[in-house]
Amino acid sequence: MNKSSRLSALKQRVQQLKSETYALYLAVRDPRTPWYAKLLAGCVVAYAFSPIDLIPDFIPVLGYLDDLILVPLGIALAIRLIPQAVLAECRVQARQTQPGKKPVSRIAGTVVVVLWLAMGALCIVWGLDKWTHR
């Protein structure tokens, strides 16, 4: 397989994941989806649509770990928990939606920022403790 066909296949897979993520977003809002599936799918969708990553992309290798492994695994697990009839309807609706109309999760972005700030504060406290108790 040459580079061009691999790149094309990768782009197609990314587009499919985006569509599946939006279908999960729609399924979370459907009353026929069980609460546990809504909880997991809601977390996956919020993180996937978050403008901020838990692991920033500029960190070598680990930066893309969440995008390449964690999000697809979360999507796969959430899909297994949602009733097939609901998921089929949501997939059709997701394909019909224009690309610019999809949501962005500012709440998930805020949660990620708060987590990073908390970790930073803990590192500072730990560092000060180690430094003052030499």
C-alpha atoms as a PDB file:
ATOM      1  CA  MET A   1       0.000   0.000   0.000  1.00  0.00           C
ATOM      2  CA  ASN A   2       1.517   3.341  -0.992  1.00  0.00           C
ATOM      3  CA  LYS A   3       1.563   6.532   1.085  1.00  0.00           C
ATOM      4  CA  SER A   4      -1.304   8.132  -0.798  1.00  0.00           C
ATOM      5  CA  SER A   5      -3.681   5.226  -0.262  1.00  0.00           C
ATOM      6  CA  ARG A   6      -2.665   4.930   3.423  1.00  0.00           C
ATOM      7  CA  LEU A   7      -3.293   8.624   3.954  1.00  0.00           C
ATOM      8  CA  SER A   8      -6.639   8.340   2.207  1.00  0.00           C
ATOM      9  CA  ALA A   9      -7.612   5.352   4.363  1.00  0.00           C
ATOM     10  CA  LEU A  10      -6.539   7.218   7.508  1.00  0.00           C
ATOM     11  CA  LYS A  11      -8.588  10.289   6.548  1.00  0.00           C
ATOM     12  CA  GLN A  12     -11.601   8.066   5.913  1.00  0.00           C
ATOM     13  CA  ARG A  13     -11.168   6.403   9.331  1.00  0.00           C
ATOM     14  CA  VAL A  14     -10.925   9.798  11.060  1.00  0.00           C
ATOM     15  CA  GLN A  15     -14.106  10.940   9.323  1.00  0.00           C
ATOM     16  CA  GLN A  16     -15.837   7.718  10.406  1.00  0.00           C
ATOM     17  CA  LEU A  17     -14.765   8.280  14.035  1.00  0.00           C
ATOM     18  CA  LYS A  18     -16.087  11.845  13.927  1.00  0.00           C
ATOM     19  CA  SER A  19     -19.402  10.588  12.596  1.00  0.00           C
ATOM     20  CA  GLU A  20     -19.573   7.851  15.255  1.00  0.00           C
ATOM     21  CA  THR A  21     -18.794  10.396  17.969  1.00  0.00           C
ATOM     22  CA  TYR A  22     -21.612  12.637  16.800  1.00  0.00           C
ATOM     23  CA  ALA A  23     -23.939   9.608  16.638  1.00  0.00           C
ATOM     24  CA  LEU A  24     -23.020   8.901  20.283  1.00  0.00           C
ATOM     25  CA  TYR A  25     -23.814  12.532  21.125  1.00  0.00           C
ATOM     26  CA  LEU A  26     -27.264  12.046  19.607  1.00  0.00           C
ATOM     27  CA  ALA A  27     -27.718   8.704  21.401  1.00  0.00           C
ATOM     28  CA  VAL A  28     -26.930  10.340  24.761  1.00  0.00           C
ATOM     29  CA  ARG A  29     -29.874  12.657  24.172  1.00  0.00           C
ATOM     30  CA  ASP A  30     -32.222   9.810  23.213  1.00  0.00           C
ATOM     31  CA  PRO A  31     -34.549   8.659  26.034  1.00  0.00           C
ATOM     32  CA  ARG A  32     -34.275   5.014  24.911  1.00  0.00           C
ATOM     33  CA  THR A  33     -30.567   4.904  25.777  1.00  0.00           C
ATOM     34  CA  PRO A  34     -29.897   3.329  29.211  1.00  0.00           C
ATOM     35  CA  TRP A  35     -28.423   5.618  31.882  1.00  0.00           C
ATOM     36  CA  TYR A  36     -25.119   3.718  32.102  1.00  0.00           C
ATOM     37  CA  ALA A  37     -24.632   3.993  28.338  1.00  0.00           C
ATOM     38  CA  LYS A  38     -25.481   7.706  28.520  1.00  0.00           C
ATOM     39  CA  LEU A  39     -22.901   8.173  31.264  1.00  0.00           C
ATOM     40  CA  LEU A  40     -20.067   6.481  29.368  1.00  0.00           C
ATOM     41  CA  ALA A  41     -21.011   7.886  25.964  1.00  0.00           C
ATOM     42  CA  GLY A  42     -21.428  11.354  27.481  1.00  0.00           C
ATOM     43  CA  CYS A  43     -17.902  11.223  28.925  1.00  0.00           C
ATOM     44  CA  VAL A  44     -16.436   9.980  25.638  1.00  0.00           C
ATOM     45  CA  VAL A  45     -18.296  12.593  23.587  1.00  0.00           C
ATOM     46  CA  ALA A  46     -17.427  15.424  25.983  1.00  0.00           C
ATOM     47  CA  TYR A  47     -13.750  14.501  25.836  1.00  0.00           C
ATOM     48  CA  ALA A  48     -13.734  13.971  22.064  1.00  0.00           C
ATOM     49  CA  PHE A  49     -15.436  17.331  21.431  1.00  0.00           C
ATOM     50  CA  SER A  50     -13.353  19.124  24.067  1.00  0.00           C
ATOM     51  CA  PRO A  51     -11.105  21.827  22.627  1.00  0.00           C
ATOM     52  CA  ILE A  52      -8.378  20.808  25.115  1.00  0.00           C
ATOM     53  CA  ASP A  53      -6.719  17.377  25.384  1.00  0.00           C
ATOM     54  CA  LEU A  54      -5.943  15.667  28.664  1.00  0.00           C
ATOM     55  CA  ILE A  55      -2.513  14.856  27.225  1.00  0.00           C
ATOM     56  CA  PRO A  56      -1.391  17.827  25.063  1.00  0.00           C
ATOM     57  CA  ASP A  57      -0.466  16.884  21.486  1.00  0.00           C
ATOM     58  CA  PHE A  58       2.953  18.576  21.695  1.00  0.00           C
ATOM     59  CA  ILE A  59       4.186  15.865  24.103  1.00  0.00           C
ATOM     60  CA  PRO A  60       6.025  13.331  21.894  1.00  0.00           C
ATOM     61  CA  VAL A  61       4.214  10.007  21.395  1.00  0.00           C
ATOM     62  CA  LEU A  62       1.976  10.386  24.481  1.00  0.00           C
ATOM     63  CA  GLY A  63       0.329  13.487  23.008  1.00  0.00           C
ATOM     64  CA  TYR A  64      -1.515  11.454  20.412  1.00  0.00           C
ATOM     65  CA  LEU A  65      -2.123   8.461  22.666  1.00  0.00           C
ATOM     66  CA  ASP A  66      -5.553   9.702  23.744  1.00  0.00           C
ATOM     67  CA  ASP A  67      -6.598  10.532  20.181  1.00  0.00           C
ATOM     68  CA  LEU A  68      -5.378   7.258  18.708  1.00  0.00           C
ATOM     69  CA  ILE A  69      -6.240   4.801  21.459  1.00  0.00           C
ATOM     70  CA  LEU A  70      -8.389   6.151  24.285  1.00  0.00           C
ATOM     71  CA  VAL A  71     -11.093   7.896  22.239  1.00  0.00           C
ATOM     72  CA  PRO A  72     -11.612   4.986  19.783  1.00  0.00           C
ATOM     73  CA  LEU A  73     -11.721   2.500  22.689  1.00  0.00           C
ATOM     74  CA  GLY A  74     -14.266   4.659  24.501  1.00  0.00           C
ATOM     75  CA  ILE A  75     -16.360   4.923  21.353  1.00  0.00           C
ATOM     76  CA  ALA A  76     -16.234   1.150  20.808  1.00  0.00           C
ATOM     77  CA  LEU A  77     -17.303   0.427  24.385  1.00  0.00           C
ATOM     78  CA  ALA A  78     -20.108   3.011  24.328  1.00  0.00           C
ATOM     79  CA  ILE A  79     -21.417   1.615  21.028  1.00  0.00           C
ATOM     80  CA  ARG A  80     -21.738  -1.835  22.632  1.00  0.00           C
ATOM     81  CA  LEU A  81     -23.918  -0.406  25.428  1.00  0.00           C
ATOM     82  CA  ILE A  82     -26.382   1.516  23.234  1.00  0.00           C
ATOM     83  CA  PRO A  83     -29.390  -0.351  21.774  1.00  0.00           C
ATOM     84  CA  GLN A  84     -28.817  -1.111  18.078  1.00  0.00           C
ATOM     85  CA  ALA A  85     -32.077   0.534  16.936  1.00  0.00           C
ATOM     86  CA  VAL A  86     -31.172   3.790  18.681  1.00  0.00           C
ATOM     87  CA  LEU A  87     -27.620   3.704  17.341  1.00  0.00           C
ATOM     88  CA  ALA A  88     -28.794   3.036  13.769  1.00  0.00           C
ATOM     89  CA  GLU A  89     -31.128   6.053  13.857  1.00  0.00           C
ATOM     90  CA  CYS A  90     -28.430   8.249  15.375  1.00  0.00           C
ATOM     91  CA  ARG A  91     -25.891   7.184  12.735  1.00  0.00           C
ATOM     92  CA  VAL A  92     -28.274   8.158   9.945  1.00  0.00           C
ATOM     93  CA  GLN A  93     -28.943  11.503  11.598  1.00  0.00           C
ATOM     94  CA  ALA A  94     -25.185  12.054  12.170  1.00  0.00           C
ATOM     95  CA  ARG A  95     -24.420  11.477   8.477  1.00  0.00           C
ATOM     96  CA  GLN A  96     -27.082  14.007   7.487  1.00  0.00           C
ATOM     97  CA  THR A  97     -25.707  16.738   9.764  1.00  0.00           C
ATOM     98  CA  GLN A  98     -23.460  19.380   8.241  1.00  0.00           C
ATOM     99  CA  PRO A  99     -19.861  19.351   9.540  1.00  0.00           C
ATOM    100  CA  GLY A 100     -19.983  22.898  10.988  1.00  0.00           C
ATOM    101  CA  LYS A 101     -23.061  22.133  13.104  1.00  0.00           C
ATOM    102  CA  LYS A 102     -21.391  19.701  15.491  1.00  0.00           C
ATOM    103  CA  PRO A 103     -20.988  20.698  19.169  1.00  0.00           C
ATOM    104  CA  VAL A 104     -17.857  21.696  21.063  1.00  0.00           C
ATOM    105  CA  SER A 105     -17.716  20.734  24.730  1.00  0.00           C
ATOM    106  CA  ARG A 106     -16.525  23.723  26.714  1.00  0.00           C
ATOM    107  CA  ILE A 107     -17.455  21.964  29.966  1.00  0.00           C
ATOM    108  CA  ALA A 108     -15.079  19.095  29.209  1.00  0.00           C
ATOM    109  CA  GLY A 109     -12.398  21.617  28.268  1.00  0.00           C
ATOM    110  CA  THR A 110     -12.908  23.328  31.615  1.00  0.00           C
ATOM    111  CA  VAL A 111     -12.649  19.998  33.460  1.00  0.00           C
ATOM    112  CA  VAL A 112      -9.362  19.230  31.692  1.00  0.00           C
ATOM    113  CA  VAL A 113      -7.983  22.679  32.562  1.00  0.00           C
ATOM    114  CA  VAL A 114      -9.013  22.218  36.213  1.00  0.00           C
ATOM    115  CA  LEU A 115      -7.309  18.794  36.286  1.00  0.00           C
ATOM    116  CA  TRP A 116      -4.082  20.262  34.883  1.00  0.00           C
ATOM    117  CA  LEU A 117      -4.195  23.146  37.375  1.00  0.00           C
ATOM    118  CA  ALA A 118      -4.787  20.718  40.255  1.00  0.00           C
ATOM    119  CA  MET A 119      -1.861  18.538  39.126  1.00  0.00           C
ATOM    120  CA  GLY A 120       0.313  21.634  38.810  1.00  0.00           C
ATOM    121  CA  ALA A 121      -0.666  22.781  42.305  1.00  0.00           C
ATOM    122  CA  LEU A 122       0.094  19.323  43.716  1.00  0.00           C
ATOM    123  CA  CYS A 123       3.508  19.329  42.021  1.00  0.00           C
ATOM    124  CA  ILE A 124       4.270  22.766  43.481  1.00  0.00           C
ATOM    125  CA  VAL A 125       3.189  21.682  46.968  1.00  0.00           C
ATOM    126  CA  TRP A 126       5.214  18.470  46.683  1.00  0.00           C
ATOM    127  CA  GLY A 127       8.238  20.354  45.372  1.00  0.00           C
ATOM    128  CA  LEU A 128       8.068  22.963  48.129  1.00  0.00           C
ATOM    129  CA  ASP A 129       7.699  20.230  50.735  1.00  0.00           C
ATOM    130  CA  LYS A 130      10.764  18.396  49.395  1.00  0.00           C
ATOM    131  CA  TRP A 131      12.747  21.608  49.094  1.00  0.00           C
ATOM    132  CA  THR A 132      11.986  22.884  52.600  1.00  0.00           C
ATOM    133  CA  HIS A 133      12.578  19.528  54.315  1.00  0.00           C
ATOM    134  CA  ARG A 134      16.058  18.798  52.997  1.00  0.00           C
END
